[in-house]
Amino acid sequence: MSESLVVYTVIIGKYDTLKPPLAIDPNVRHVCITDGPLPNVPPWTQRVVRGNHGPARRHSRLYKTMSHACFPLAEYSLYVDGRIQLKIHPEEALGWLKNHDMALCQHPTDDCAYAEAQKVKDWLLDDFVVVSRQMARYREEGYPKKNGLAAGTVILRRHTRMVQKFNNYWWIEVGNNSSRDQLSLNYCLWLLGMGHDVIPGHLFRNPNFVYHEGHNGYRL
């Protein structure tokens, strides 16, 4: 049976804890994709997955990027990071889509993938050589500096053919390069000539959701 909207999160390796939304719509399915099981937290249902797609972060990115494959019967998906608690009813989020088929949060501090990549290397958040090689390829392809930087913490997608194509491109980038998916998000949009709507509000102080701090001291 088809469904309009699915809210989902991904917790692999028990990196985060499952958090209850602060507004619940019983008509919208909430799915946690996990290698768990995790403690039961209504209204979340858990989809336990197996397989070896590398370290926990990269494994989780498969499900984060490939929303249309995870929920092939859903018209829309709303991905929320494990650090997010929704404060609004999920259907309200559909209003974020104004002119495009995807809505993303603005990165709170940067507007450039190259600057973000430098932070990733400085903070030792991923392999220095892998990140450097990825950014060098982007430069060779003409990807511009300061081309905007979205935070992949909350993602609303309408599963059109173009969004599905974007998802496939994004997973190829994340699966073969840095698992820090923000480095490739805007690049893939640029490559496909896609735009996106901006989720209103600051990522860390947002009227639509609560953002909880991460584990590694780096807020994103």
N, C-alpha and C. Protein backbone atom coordinates (compact mmCIF):
# COMPACT_ATOMS: atom_id res chain seq x y z
N MET A 1 0.84 -1.19 0.00
CA MET A 1 0.00 0.00 0.00
C MET A 1 0.88 1.25 0.00
N SER A 2 0.57 2.19 -0.86
CA SER A 2 1.33 3.43 -0.90
C SER A 2 1.00 4.29 0.31
N GLU A 3 1.90 5.18 0.63
CA GLU A 3 1.69 6.10 1.73
C GLU A 3 2.27 7.45 1.35
N SER A 4 1.73 8.50 1.96
CA SER A 4 2.15 9.84 1.58
C SER A 4 3.52 10.18 2.14
N LEU A 5 3.73 9.95 3.44
CA LEU A 5 4.93 10.44 4.12
C LEU A 5 5.42 9.42 5.14
N VAL A 6 6.72 9.22 5.16
CA VAL A 6 7.39 8.41 6.18
C VAL A 6 8.45 9.26 6.85
N VAL A 7 8.48 9.24 8.18
CA VAL A 7 9.56 9.85 8.95
C VAL A 7 10.54 8.74 9.31
N TYR A 8 11.82 8.98 9.08
CA TYR A 8 12.76 7.92 9.45
C TYR A 8 14.07 8.49 9.96
N THR A 9 14.75 7.63 10.71
CA THR A 9 16.08 7.93 11.21
C THR A 9 16.92 6.68 11.05
N VAL A 10 18.23 6.82 11.17
CA VAL A 10 19.15 5.70 11.02
C VAL A 10 20.11 5.70 12.20
N ILE A 11 20.15 4.60 12.94
CA ILE A 11 21.08 4.46 14.06
C ILE A 11 21.80 3.14 13.89
N ILE A 12 23.05 3.21 13.47
CA ILE A 12 23.89 2.03 13.26
C ILE A 12 25.02 2.07 14.28
N GLY A 13 25.30 0.93 14.90
CA GLY A 13 26.37 0.88 15.89
C GLY A 13 26.01 1.54 17.21
N LYS A 14 24.72 1.74 17.44
CA LYS A 14 24.23 2.36 18.68
C LYS A 14 24.93 3.68 18.96
N TYR A 15 25.20 4.41 17.87
CA TYR A 15 25.90 5.69 18.00
C TYR A 15 25.03 6.74 18.68
N ASP A 16 23.73 6.69 18.41
CA ASP A 16 22.77 7.62 19.02
C ASP A 16 21.72 6.82 19.78
N THR A 17 20.91 7.53 20.54
CA THR A 17 19.77 6.92 21.19
C THR A 17 18.50 7.38 20.48
N LEU A 18 17.52 6.51 20.46
CA LEU A 18 16.27 6.83 19.79
C LEU A 18 15.47 7.80 20.64
N LYS A 19 15.07 8.91 20.03
CA LYS A 19 14.40 9.99 20.77
C LYS A 19 12.95 10.12 20.33
N PRO A 20 12.03 10.24 21.27
CA PRO A 20 10.61 10.37 20.88
C PRO A 20 10.33 11.73 20.30
N PRO A 21 9.56 11.81 19.23
CA PRO A 21 9.14 13.12 18.72
C PRO A 21 8.28 13.82 19.75
N LEU A 22 8.33 15.13 19.73
CA LEU A 22 7.57 15.92 20.70
C LEU A 22 6.16 16.20 20.21
N ALA A 23 5.89 15.90 18.95
CA ALA A 23 4.53 15.97 18.38
C ALA A 23 4.34 14.70 17.57
N ILE A 24 3.26 14.00 17.83
CA ILE A 24 3.05 12.69 17.22
C ILE A 24 1.79 12.70 16.38
N ASP A 25 1.93 12.25 15.17
CA ASP A 25 0.78 12.05 14.28
C ASP A 25 0.63 10.55 14.08
N PRO A 26 -0.42 9.94 14.62
CA PRO A 26 -0.57 8.48 14.52
C PRO A 26 -0.76 7.99 13.10
N ASN A 27 -1.04 8.89 12.16
CA ASN A 27 -1.25 8.50 10.78
C ASN A 27 0.02 8.49 9.96
N VAL A 28 1.14 8.92 10.57
CA VAL A 28 2.42 8.95 9.87
C VAL A 28 3.35 7.91 10.49
N ARG A 29 3.89 7.06 9.65
CA ARG A 29 4.78 6.01 10.13
C ARG A 29 6.16 6.59 10.47
N HIS A 30 6.70 6.18 11.62
CA HIS A 30 8.04 6.55 12.07
C HIS A 30 8.89 5.28 12.09
N VAL A 31 9.98 5.28 11.33
CA VAL A 31 10.79 4.08 11.18
C VAL A 31 12.23 4.39 11.56
N CYS A 32 12.78 3.57 12.44
CA CYS A 32 14.21 3.65 12.76
C CYS A 32 14.91 2.47 12.10
N ILE A 33 15.81 2.77 11.17
CA ILE A 33 16.62 1.73 10.54
C ILE A 33 17.86 1.53 11.41
N THR A 34 18.07 0.32 11.89
CA THR A 34 19.11 0.08 12.88
C THR A 34 19.67 -1.33 12.73
N ASP A 35 20.88 -1.52 13.24
CA ASP A 35 21.43 -2.86 13.37
C ASP A 35 21.18 -3.37 14.78
N GLY A 36 20.34 -2.70 15.54
CA GLY A 36 19.93 -2.90 16.92
C GLY A 36 19.80 -4.36 17.34
N PRO A 37 18.76 -4.67 18.09
CA PRO A 37 17.61 -3.81 18.40
C PRO A 37 17.93 -2.76 19.46
N LEU A 38 17.10 -1.71 19.48
CA LEU A 38 17.22 -0.62 20.43
C LEU A 38 16.04 -0.68 21.41
N PRO A 39 16.13 0.01 22.54
CA PRO A 39 14.97 0.09 23.43
C PRO A 39 13.75 0.65 22.70
N ASN A 40 12.60 0.14 23.04
CA ASN A 40 11.37 0.55 22.39
C ASN A 40 11.02 1.99 22.76
N VAL A 41 10.81 2.83 21.74
CA VAL A 41 10.44 4.24 21.94
C VAL A 41 9.30 4.56 20.98
N PRO A 42 8.06 4.52 21.45
CA PRO A 42 6.93 4.87 20.56
C PRO A 42 7.05 6.33 20.10
N PRO A 43 6.61 6.64 18.89
CA PRO A 43 5.92 5.79 17.93
C PRO A 43 6.84 5.09 16.95
N TRP A 44 8.15 5.06 17.26
CA TRP A 44 9.10 4.49 16.33
C TRP A 44 8.92 2.98 16.23
N THR A 45 8.92 2.46 15.00
CA THR A 45 9.08 1.04 14.76
C THR A 45 10.51 0.85 14.25
N GLN A 46 11.05 -0.33 14.52
CA GLN A 46 12.45 -0.56 14.16
C GLN A 46 12.55 -1.55 13.01
N ARG A 47 13.37 -1.19 12.03
CA ARG A 47 13.70 -2.08 10.91
C ARG A 47 15.15 -2.49 11.07
N VAL A 48 15.38 -3.71 11.49
CA VAL A 48 16.73 -4.19 11.73
C VAL A 48 17.34 -4.65 10.42
N VAL A 49 18.51 -4.13 10.12
CA VAL A 49 19.18 -4.43 8.86
C VAL A 49 20.49 -5.14 9.13
N ARG A 50 20.90 -5.93 8.18
CA ARG A 50 22.17 -6.62 8.24
C ARG A 50 22.98 -6.22 7.00
N GLY A 51 24.19 -6.70 6.96
CA GLY A 51 25.02 -6.41 5.80
C GLY A 51 26.29 -5.69 6.22
N ASN A 52 27.24 -5.69 5.33
CA ASN A 52 28.53 -5.07 5.60
C ASN A 52 28.80 -4.01 4.55
N HIS A 53 28.56 -2.77 4.93
CA HIS A 53 28.83 -1.65 4.03
C HIS A 53 29.93 -0.76 4.63
N GLY A 54 30.89 -1.41 5.32
CA GLY A 54 31.98 -0.66 5.92
C GLY A 54 31.69 -0.27 7.34
N PRO A 55 32.45 0.69 7.87
CA PRO A 55 32.24 1.15 9.25
C PRO A 55 30.83 1.67 9.46
N ALA A 56 30.45 1.80 10.73
CA ALA A 56 29.07 2.15 11.08
C ALA A 56 28.61 3.43 10.39
N ARG A 57 29.46 4.45 10.34
CA ARG A 57 29.04 5.71 9.72
C ARG A 57 28.71 5.51 8.25
N ARG A 58 29.58 4.82 7.53
CA ARG A 58 29.33 4.62 6.10
C ARG A 58 28.11 3.72 5.89
N HIS A 59 27.98 2.70 6.72
CA HIS A 59 26.81 1.82 6.62
C HIS A 59 25.53 2.62 6.80
N SER A 60 25.52 3.51 7.77
CA SER A 60 24.31 4.30 8.02
C SER A 60 23.99 5.22 6.85
N ARG A 61 25.02 5.66 6.15
CA ARG A 61 24.82 6.60 5.05
C ARG A 61 24.10 5.96 3.86
N LEU A 62 24.20 4.65 3.72
CA LEU A 62 23.46 3.98 2.66
C LEU A 62 21.97 4.26 2.80
N TYR A 63 21.45 4.13 4.01
CA TYR A 63 20.02 4.31 4.24
C TYR A 63 19.63 5.79 4.28
N LYS A 64 20.56 6.61 4.74
CA LYS A 64 20.29 8.05 4.74
C LYS A 64 20.16 8.58 3.33
N THR A 65 21.05 8.18 2.45
CA THR A 65 21.05 8.73 1.10
C THR A 65 19.95 8.11 0.24
N MET A 66 19.66 6.84 0.42
CA MET A 66 18.80 6.10 -0.50
C MET A 66 17.37 6.00 0.04
N SER A 67 16.77 7.12 0.32
CA SER A 67 15.44 7.14 0.94
C SER A 67 14.40 6.47 0.05
N HIS A 68 14.48 6.67 -1.25
CA HIS A 68 13.48 6.10 -2.16
C HIS A 68 13.56 4.58 -2.22
N ALA A 69 14.75 4.03 -2.02
CA ALA A 69 14.91 2.58 -2.01
C ALA A 69 14.44 1.99 -0.67
N CYS A 70 14.64 2.75 0.39
CA CYS A 70 14.19 2.28 1.71
C CYS A 70 12.67 2.28 1.81
N PHE A 71 12.03 3.25 1.16
CA PHE A 71 10.58 3.41 1.25
C PHE A 71 10.01 3.62 -0.15
N PRO A 72 9.99 2.57 -0.95
CA PRO A 72 9.62 2.72 -2.36
C PRO A 72 8.15 3.09 -2.59
N LEU A 73 7.31 2.90 -1.59
CA LEU A 73 5.89 3.22 -1.75
C LEU A 73 5.52 4.59 -1.18
N ALA A 74 6.49 5.30 -0.63
CA ALA A 74 6.23 6.60 -0.02
C ALA A 74 6.43 7.72 -1.04
N GLU A 75 5.51 8.65 -1.06
CA GLU A 75 5.66 9.82 -1.93
C GLU A 75 6.71 10.78 -1.38
N TYR A 76 6.74 10.92 -0.05
CA TYR A 76 7.68 11.81 0.63
C TYR A 76 8.39 11.03 1.73
N SER A 77 9.61 11.44 2.03
CA SER A 77 10.30 10.95 3.23
C SER A 77 10.89 12.14 3.97
N LEU A 78 10.87 12.05 5.28
CA LEU A 78 11.49 13.06 6.13
C LEU A 78 12.54 12.35 6.97
N TYR A 79 13.80 12.56 6.60
CA TYR A 79 14.92 12.00 7.36
C TYR A 79 15.29 12.94 8.48
N VAL A 80 15.44 12.38 9.69
CA VAL A 80 15.93 13.16 10.83
C VAL A 80 17.11 12.42 11.44
N ASP A 81 18.16 13.13 11.69
CA ASP A 81 19.33 12.58 12.36
C ASP A 81 18.95 12.07 13.74
N GLY A 82 19.74 11.14 14.29
CA GLY A 82 19.47 10.60 15.61
C GLY A 82 19.51 11.63 16.72
N ARG A 83 20.05 12.81 16.43
CA ARG A 83 20.12 13.87 17.44
C ARG A 83 18.91 14.80 17.41
N ILE A 84 17.95 14.50 16.53
CA ILE A 84 16.83 15.41 16.30
C ILE A 84 15.56 14.90 16.96
N GLN A 85 14.82 15.81 17.59
CA GLN A 85 13.46 15.56 18.05
C GLN A 85 12.52 16.54 17.35
N LEU A 86 11.59 16.01 16.58
CA LEU A 86 10.63 16.88 15.91
C LEU A 86 9.70 17.53 16.91
N LYS A 87 9.42 18.82 16.69
CA LYS A 87 8.48 19.57 17.53
C LYS A 87 7.16 19.82 16.81
N ILE A 88 7.09 19.51 15.54
CA ILE A 88 5.89 19.76 14.74
C ILE A 88 5.34 18.42 14.25
N HIS A 89 4.07 18.42 13.88
CA HIS A 89 3.51 17.24 13.24
C HIS A 89 4.18 17.07 11.87
N PRO A 90 4.55 15.86 11.52
CA PRO A 90 5.32 15.65 10.29
C PRO A 90 4.68 16.24 9.04
N GLU A 91 3.36 16.17 8.95
CA GLU A 91 2.69 16.71 7.75
C GLU A 91 2.95 18.20 7.58
N GLU A 92 3.19 18.91 8.68
CA GLU A 92 3.48 20.34 8.59
C GLU A 92 4.78 20.59 7.83
N ALA A 93 5.70 19.63 7.90
CA ALA A 93 6.99 19.80 7.23
C ALA A 93 6.84 19.88 5.72
N LEU A 94 5.77 19.33 5.18
CA LEU A 94 5.58 19.38 3.73
C LEU A 94 5.49 20.82 3.23
N GLY A 95 5.13 21.74 4.11
CA GLY A 95 5.10 23.15 3.75
C GLY A 95 6.46 23.74 3.48
N TRP A 96 7.52 23.02 3.84
CA TRP A 96 8.87 23.50 3.55
C TRP A 96 9.14 23.47 2.05
N LEU A 97 8.45 22.62 1.32
CA LEU A 97 8.68 22.53 -0.12
C LEU A 97 7.90 23.63 -0.82
N LYS A 98 8.63 24.58 -1.37
CA LYS A 98 8.02 25.73 -2.06
C LYS A 98 8.20 25.64 -3.57
N ASN A 99 9.46 25.50 -3.97
CA ASN A 99 9.78 25.54 -5.39
C ASN A 99 10.56 24.31 -5.87
N HIS A 100 10.89 23.41 -4.92
CA HIS A 100 11.74 22.27 -5.26
C HIS A 100 11.19 21.00 -4.62
N ASP A 101 11.87 19.90 -4.87
CA ASP A 101 11.43 18.61 -4.36
C ASP A 101 12.25 18.13 -3.17
N MET A 102 13.10 19.01 -2.65
CA MET A 102 13.92 18.68 -1.49
C MET A 102 14.09 19.92 -0.64
N ALA A 103 14.04 19.72 0.69
CA ALA A 103 14.28 20.82 1.62
C ALA A 103 15.39 20.41 2.58
N LEU A 104 16.33 21.32 2.80
CA LEU A 104 17.51 21.07 3.62
C LEU A 104 17.75 22.24 4.56
N CYS A 105 18.42 21.96 5.66
CA CYS A 105 18.84 23.03 6.57
C CYS A 105 20.10 23.69 6.05
N GLN A 106 20.18 24.99 6.26
CA GLN A 106 21.40 25.72 5.94
C GLN A 106 22.46 25.35 6.98
N HIS A 107 23.69 25.14 6.51
CA HIS A 107 24.78 24.90 7.45
C HIS A 107 24.94 26.14 8.33
N PRO A 108 25.10 25.98 9.64
CA PRO A 108 25.08 27.15 10.53
C PRO A 108 26.32 28.03 10.47
N THR A 109 27.44 27.52 9.94
CA THR A 109 28.67 28.32 9.98
C THR A 109 29.37 28.46 8.64
N ASP A 110 29.16 27.53 7.72
CA ASP A 110 29.93 27.55 6.47
C ASP A 110 29.01 27.61 5.26
N ASP A 111 29.57 28.07 4.14
CA ASP A 111 28.84 28.07 2.87
C ASP A 111 29.70 27.47 1.77
N CYS A 112 30.66 26.63 2.16
CA CYS A 112 31.63 26.12 1.20
C CYS A 112 32.07 24.71 1.59
N ALA A 113 31.95 23.77 0.64
CA ALA A 113 32.37 22.39 0.91
C ALA A 113 33.87 22.30 1.16
N TYR A 114 34.65 23.16 0.50
CA TYR A 114 36.09 23.11 0.69
C TYR A 114 36.48 23.53 2.11
N ALA A 115 35.80 24.55 2.64
CA ALA A 115 36.06 24.96 4.02
C ALA A 115 35.64 23.88 4.99
N GLU A 116 34.52 23.24 4.72
CA GLU A 116 34.06 22.15 5.57
C GLU A 116 35.04 20.98 5.52
N ALA A 117 35.58 20.70 4.35
CA ALA A 117 36.55 19.62 4.21
C ALA A 117 37.80 19.90 5.04
N GLN A 118 38.23 21.16 5.07
CA GLN A 118 39.39 21.51 5.87
C GLN A 118 39.13 21.27 7.36
N LYS A 119 37.92 21.57 7.82
CA LYS A 119 37.57 21.29 9.21
C LYS A 119 37.56 19.79 9.49
N VAL A 120 37.04 19.04 8.54
CA VAL A 120 37.02 17.58 8.71
C VAL A 120 38.45 17.06 8.88
N LYS A 121 39.38 17.60 8.11
CA LYS A 121 40.78 17.16 8.22
C LYS A 121 41.41 17.66 9.51
N ASP A 122 41.14 18.91 9.87
CA ASP A 122 41.72 19.48 11.09
C ASP A 122 41.24 18.74 12.34
N TRP A 123 39.98 18.34 12.35
CA TRP A 123 39.38 17.64 13.49
C TRP A 123 39.60 16.14 13.42
N LEU A 124 40.28 15.68 12.38
CA LEU A 124 40.56 14.23 12.21
C LEU A 124 39.26 13.42 12.18
N LEU A 125 38.26 13.95 11.47
CA LEU A 125 36.97 13.30 11.40
C LEU A 125 36.88 12.28 10.28
N ASP A 126 37.86 12.27 9.40
CA ASP A 126 37.92 11.28 8.33
C ASP A 126 39.35 11.24 7.82
N ASP A 127 39.61 10.29 6.96
CA ASP A 127 40.95 10.08 6.44
C ASP A 127 41.42 11.30 5.63
N PHE A 128 42.56 11.84 5.99
CA PHE A 128 43.10 13.05 5.37
C PHE A 128 43.27 12.88 3.87
N VAL A 129 43.85 11.74 3.46
CA VAL A 129 44.12 11.51 2.04
C VAL A 129 42.82 11.37 1.26
N VAL A 130 41.85 10.66 1.82
CA VAL A 130 40.57 10.45 1.14
C VAL A 130 39.86 11.78 0.90
N VAL A 131 39.81 12.61 1.94
CA VAL A 131 39.14 13.90 1.82
C VAL A 131 39.88 14.80 0.84
N SER A 132 41.19 14.84 0.93
CA SER A 132 41.99 15.68 0.03
C SER A 132 41.80 15.27 -1.42
N ARG A 133 41.80 13.98 -1.68
CA ARG A 133 41.62 13.48 -3.05
C ARG A 133 40.23 13.82 -3.57
N GLN A 134 39.23 13.71 -2.72
CA GLN A 134 37.86 14.04 -3.13
C GLN A 134 37.73 15.50 -3.50
N MET A 135 38.27 16.38 -2.67
CA MET A 135 38.18 17.81 -2.94
C MET A 135 38.99 18.20 -4.17
N ALA A 136 40.11 17.53 -4.38
CA ALA A 136 40.92 17.82 -5.58
C ALA A 136 40.14 17.46 -6.84
N ARG A 137 39.41 16.36 -6.81
CA ARG A 137 38.59 15.98 -7.95
C ARG A 137 37.49 17.00 -8.20
N TYR A 138 36.86 17.49 -7.13
CA TYR A 138 35.81 18.50 -7.29
C TYR A 138 36.38 19.76 -7.94
N ARG A 139 37.57 20.16 -7.53
CA ARG A 139 38.20 21.34 -8.14
C ARG A 139 38.45 21.11 -9.62
N GLU A 140 38.96 19.93 -9.96
CA GLU A 140 39.25 19.62 -11.36
C GLU A 140 37.98 19.65 -12.21
N GLU A 141 36.85 19.28 -11.61
CA GLU A 141 35.59 19.27 -12.33
C GLU A 141 34.94 20.65 -12.40
N GLY A 142 35.54 21.62 -11.72
CA GLY A 142 35.02 22.98 -11.77
C GLY A 142 34.00 23.32 -10.71
N TYR A 143 33.88 22.47 -9.70
CA TYR A 143 32.92 22.79 -8.64
C TYR A 143 33.39 24.04 -7.90
N PRO A 144 32.56 25.09 -7.83
CA PRO A 144 33.03 26.38 -7.30
C PRO A 144 33.10 26.43 -5.78
N LYS A 145 33.96 27.29 -5.30
CA LYS A 145 34.00 27.59 -3.88
C LYS A 145 32.75 28.39 -3.49
N LYS A 146 32.42 28.31 -2.23
CA LYS A 146 31.28 29.08 -1.68
C LYS A 146 30.01 28.89 -2.51
N ASN A 147 29.77 27.63 -2.86
CA ASN A 147 28.58 27.29 -3.63
C ASN A 147 27.41 26.91 -2.72
N GLY A 148 27.51 27.29 -1.46
CA GLY A 148 26.49 26.92 -0.50
C GLY A 148 26.84 25.62 0.19
N LEU A 149 26.32 25.45 1.40
CA LEU A 149 26.58 24.22 2.16
C LEU A 149 25.34 23.92 2.99
N ALA A 150 24.73 22.81 2.68
CA ALA A 150 23.58 22.36 3.45
C ALA A 150 24.03 21.39 4.52
N ALA A 151 23.27 21.33 5.59
CA ALA A 151 23.49 20.34 6.64
C ALA A 151 22.52 19.19 6.41
N GLY A 152 23.04 17.98 6.36
CA GLY A 152 22.20 16.83 6.08
C GLY A 152 21.53 16.26 7.31
N THR A 153 21.23 17.11 8.26
CA THR A 153 20.68 16.66 9.55
C THR A 153 19.19 16.39 9.46
N VAL A 154 18.48 17.18 8.69
CA VAL A 154 17.05 17.00 8.43
C VAL A 154 16.86 17.15 6.93
N ILE A 155 16.23 16.16 6.29
CA ILE A 155 16.07 16.18 4.84
C ILE A 155 14.64 15.77 4.49
N LEU A 156 13.93 16.66 3.84
CA LEU A 156 12.61 16.33 3.32
C LEU A 156 12.72 16.13 1.81
N ARG A 157 12.26 14.97 1.33
CA ARG A 157 12.36 14.66 -0.09
C ARG A 157 11.01 14.21 -0.65
N ARG A 158 10.65 14.75 -1.81
CA ARG A 158 9.58 14.19 -2.62
C ARG A 158 10.25 13.23 -3.60
N HIS A 159 9.82 12.00 -3.63
CA HIS A 159 10.56 10.98 -4.35
C HIS A 159 10.28 11.00 -5.86
N THR A 160 10.60 12.12 -6.47
CA THR A 160 10.51 12.23 -7.93
C THR A 160 11.68 11.48 -8.56
N ARG A 161 11.63 11.33 -9.87
CA ARG A 161 12.73 10.65 -10.55
C ARG A 161 14.05 11.39 -10.38
N MET A 162 13.99 12.73 -10.40
CA MET A 162 15.22 13.48 -10.23
C MET A 162 15.79 13.33 -8.83
N VAL A 163 14.93 13.31 -7.82
CA VAL A 163 15.41 13.11 -6.45
C VAL A 163 16.00 11.71 -6.31
N GLN A 164 15.37 10.73 -6.92
CA GLN A 164 15.93 9.38 -6.88
C GLN A 164 17.31 9.35 -7.54
N LYS A 165 17.45 10.07 -8.64
CA LYS A 165 18.76 10.15 -9.31
C LYS A 165 19.78 10.83 -8.39
N PHE A 166 19.36 11.92 -7.74
CA PHE A 166 20.24 12.58 -6.78
C PHE A 166 20.67 11.60 -5.69
N ASN A 167 19.71 10.88 -5.13
CA ASN A 167 20.04 9.92 -4.07
C ASN A 167 21.09 8.93 -4.53
N ASN A 168 20.93 8.41 -5.74
CA ASN A 168 21.90 7.45 -6.28
C ASN A 168 23.28 8.07 -6.42
N TYR A 169 23.33 9.28 -6.95
CA TYR A 169 24.61 9.97 -7.09
C TYR A 169 25.25 10.20 -5.73
N TRP A 170 24.42 10.62 -4.77
CA TRP A 170 24.95 10.95 -3.44
C TRP A 170 25.53 9.70 -2.78
N TRP A 171 24.85 8.57 -2.90
CA TRP A 171 25.37 7.34 -2.29
C TRP A 171 26.67 6.90 -2.97
N ILE A 172 26.76 7.05 -4.27
CA ILE A 172 28.01 6.71 -4.95
C ILE A 172 29.16 7.55 -4.40
N GLU A 173 28.90 8.87 -4.20
CA GLU A 173 29.95 9.73 -3.66
C GLU A 173 30.32 9.33 -2.23
N VAL A 174 29.33 9.14 -1.39
CA VAL A 174 29.59 8.81 0.01
C VAL A 174 30.18 7.41 0.15
N GLY A 175 29.70 6.49 -0.68
CA GLY A 175 30.18 5.12 -0.59
C GLY A 175 31.61 4.95 -1.05
N ASN A 176 32.08 5.85 -1.91
CA ASN A 176 33.41 5.70 -2.49
C ASN A 176 34.40 6.77 -2.04
N ASN A 177 33.92 7.73 -1.24
CA ASN A 177 34.79 8.81 -0.80
C ASN A 177 34.61 9.03 0.70
N SER A 178 34.61 10.26 1.14
CA SER A 178 34.44 10.54 2.57
C SER A 178 33.01 10.20 2.99
N SER A 179 32.89 9.59 4.16
CA SER A 179 31.57 9.32 4.72
C SER A 179 30.94 10.57 5.34
N ARG A 180 31.68 11.67 5.38
CA ARG A 180 31.11 12.95 5.81
C ARG A 180 30.25 13.47 4.66
N ASP A 181 28.98 13.13 4.70
CA ASP A 181 28.12 13.31 3.52
C ASP A 181 27.88 14.77 3.15
N GLN A 182 28.12 15.70 4.07
CA GLN A 182 27.93 17.12 3.73
C GLN A 182 28.94 17.58 2.67
N LEU A 183 30.06 16.90 2.58
CA LEU A 183 31.05 17.29 1.60
C LEU A 183 30.57 17.07 0.17
N SER A 184 29.71 16.09 -0.02
CA SER A 184 29.26 15.75 -1.37
C SER A 184 27.82 16.16 -1.66
N LEU A 185 27.07 16.59 -0.67
CA LEU A 185 25.65 16.89 -0.86
C LEU A 185 25.46 18.00 -1.90
N ASN A 186 26.02 19.16 -1.65
CA ASN A 186 25.85 20.27 -2.59
C ASN A 186 26.54 20.02 -3.92
N TYR A 187 27.61 19.26 -3.89
CA TYR A 187 28.28 18.89 -5.14
C TYR A 187 27.33 18.10 -6.04
N CYS A 188 26.61 17.13 -5.46
CA CYS A 188 25.68 16.32 -6.26
C CYS A 188 24.53 17.17 -6.79
N LEU A 189 24.04 18.09 -5.98
CA LEU A 189 23.00 19.01 -6.45
C LEU A 189 23.51 19.82 -7.64
N TRP A 190 24.72 20.33 -7.52
CA TRP A 190 25.34 21.12 -8.59
C TRP A 190 25.52 20.28 -9.85
N LEU A 191 25.98 19.06 -9.68
CA LEU A 191 26.24 18.18 -10.81
C LEU A 191 24.98 17.92 -11.62
N LEU A 192 23.84 17.83 -10.92
CA LEU A 192 22.57 17.54 -11.57
C LEU A 192 21.76 18.78 -11.91
N GLY A 193 22.29 19.95 -11.55
CA GLY A 193 21.56 21.19 -11.80
C GLY A 193 20.30 21.31 -10.98
N MET A 194 20.31 20.78 -9.78
CA MET A 194 19.13 20.77 -8.90
C MET A 194 19.20 21.90 -7.89
N GLY A 195 18.05 22.43 -7.54
CA GLY A 195 17.94 23.36 -6.43
C GLY A 195 17.28 22.68 -5.25
N HIS A 196 17.20 23.40 -4.15
CA HIS A 196 16.50 22.87 -2.97
C HIS A 196 15.92 24.02 -2.18
N ASP A 197 14.86 23.74 -1.45
CA ASP A 197 14.30 24.71 -0.53
C ASP A 197 15.06 24.65 0.79
N VAL A 198 15.01 25.75 1.52
CA VAL A 198 15.72 25.84 2.80
C VAL A 198 14.72 25.71 3.93
N ILE A 199 14.99 24.80 4.84
CA ILE A 199 14.15 24.64 6.03
C ILE A 199 14.33 25.88 6.90
N PRO A 200 13.24 26.54 7.27
CA PRO A 200 13.39 27.80 8.02
C PRO A 200 13.97 27.59 9.41
N GLY A 201 14.71 28.60 9.86
CA GLY A 201 15.27 28.59 11.20
C GLY A 201 16.71 28.11 11.24
N HIS A 202 17.38 28.43 12.33
CA HIS A 202 18.77 28.03 12.56
C HIS A 202 18.80 26.56 12.95
N LEU A 203 19.80 25.84 12.47
CA LEU A 203 19.88 24.40 12.75
C LEU A 203 19.89 24.09 14.24
N PHE A 204 20.65 24.86 15.01
CA PHE A 204 20.79 24.56 16.43
C PHE A 204 19.68 25.15 17.29
N ARG A 205 18.95 26.11 16.76
CA ARG A 205 17.84 26.74 17.51
C ARG A 205 16.68 26.89 16.55
N ASN A 206 15.94 25.80 16.40
CA ASN A 206 14.94 25.75 15.35
C ASN A 206 13.54 25.56 15.92
N PRO A 207 12.55 26.30 15.44
CA PRO A 207 11.20 26.14 15.96
C PRO A 207 10.55 24.81 15.59
N ASN A 208 11.14 24.11 14.63
CA ASN A 208 10.53 22.86 14.15
C ASN A 208 11.08 21.61 14.83
N PHE A 209 12.24 21.71 15.44
CA PHE A 209 12.85 20.53 16.06
C PHE A 209 13.88 20.95 17.11
N VAL A 210 14.22 19.99 17.96
CA VAL A 210 15.27 20.17 18.96
C VAL A 210 16.52 19.46 18.46
N TYR A 211 17.64 20.15 18.53
CA TYR A 211 18.93 19.58 18.12
C TYR A 211 19.72 19.25 19.37
N HIS A 212 20.13 17.99 19.51
CA HIS A 212 20.95 17.56 20.63
C HIS A 212 22.40 17.45 20.19
N GLU A 213 23.31 17.73 21.10
CA GLU A 213 24.73 17.70 20.78
C GLU A 213 25.18 16.30 20.35
N GLY A 214 26.21 16.25 19.49
CA GLY A 214 26.78 14.99 19.06
C GLY A 214 27.76 14.44 20.09
N HIS A 215 28.36 13.30 19.72
CA HIS A 215 29.25 12.60 20.64
C HIS A 215 30.70 13.07 20.55
N ASN A 216 31.10 13.63 19.42
CA ASN A 216 32.52 13.83 19.19
C ASN A 216 32.98 15.28 19.42
N GLY A 217 32.10 16.12 19.94
CA GLY A 217 32.48 17.49 20.19
C GLY A 217 32.30 18.40 19.00
N TYR A 218 32.20 17.80 17.81
CA TYR A 218 31.95 18.55 16.59
C TYR A 218 30.46 18.51 16.34
N ARG A 219 29.82 19.66 16.29
CA ARG A 219 28.36 19.69 16.35
C ARG A 219 27.70 19.11 15.11
N LEU A 220 28.42 19.01 14.02
CA LEU A 220 27.88 18.40 12.81
C LEU A 220 28.71 17.19 12.41
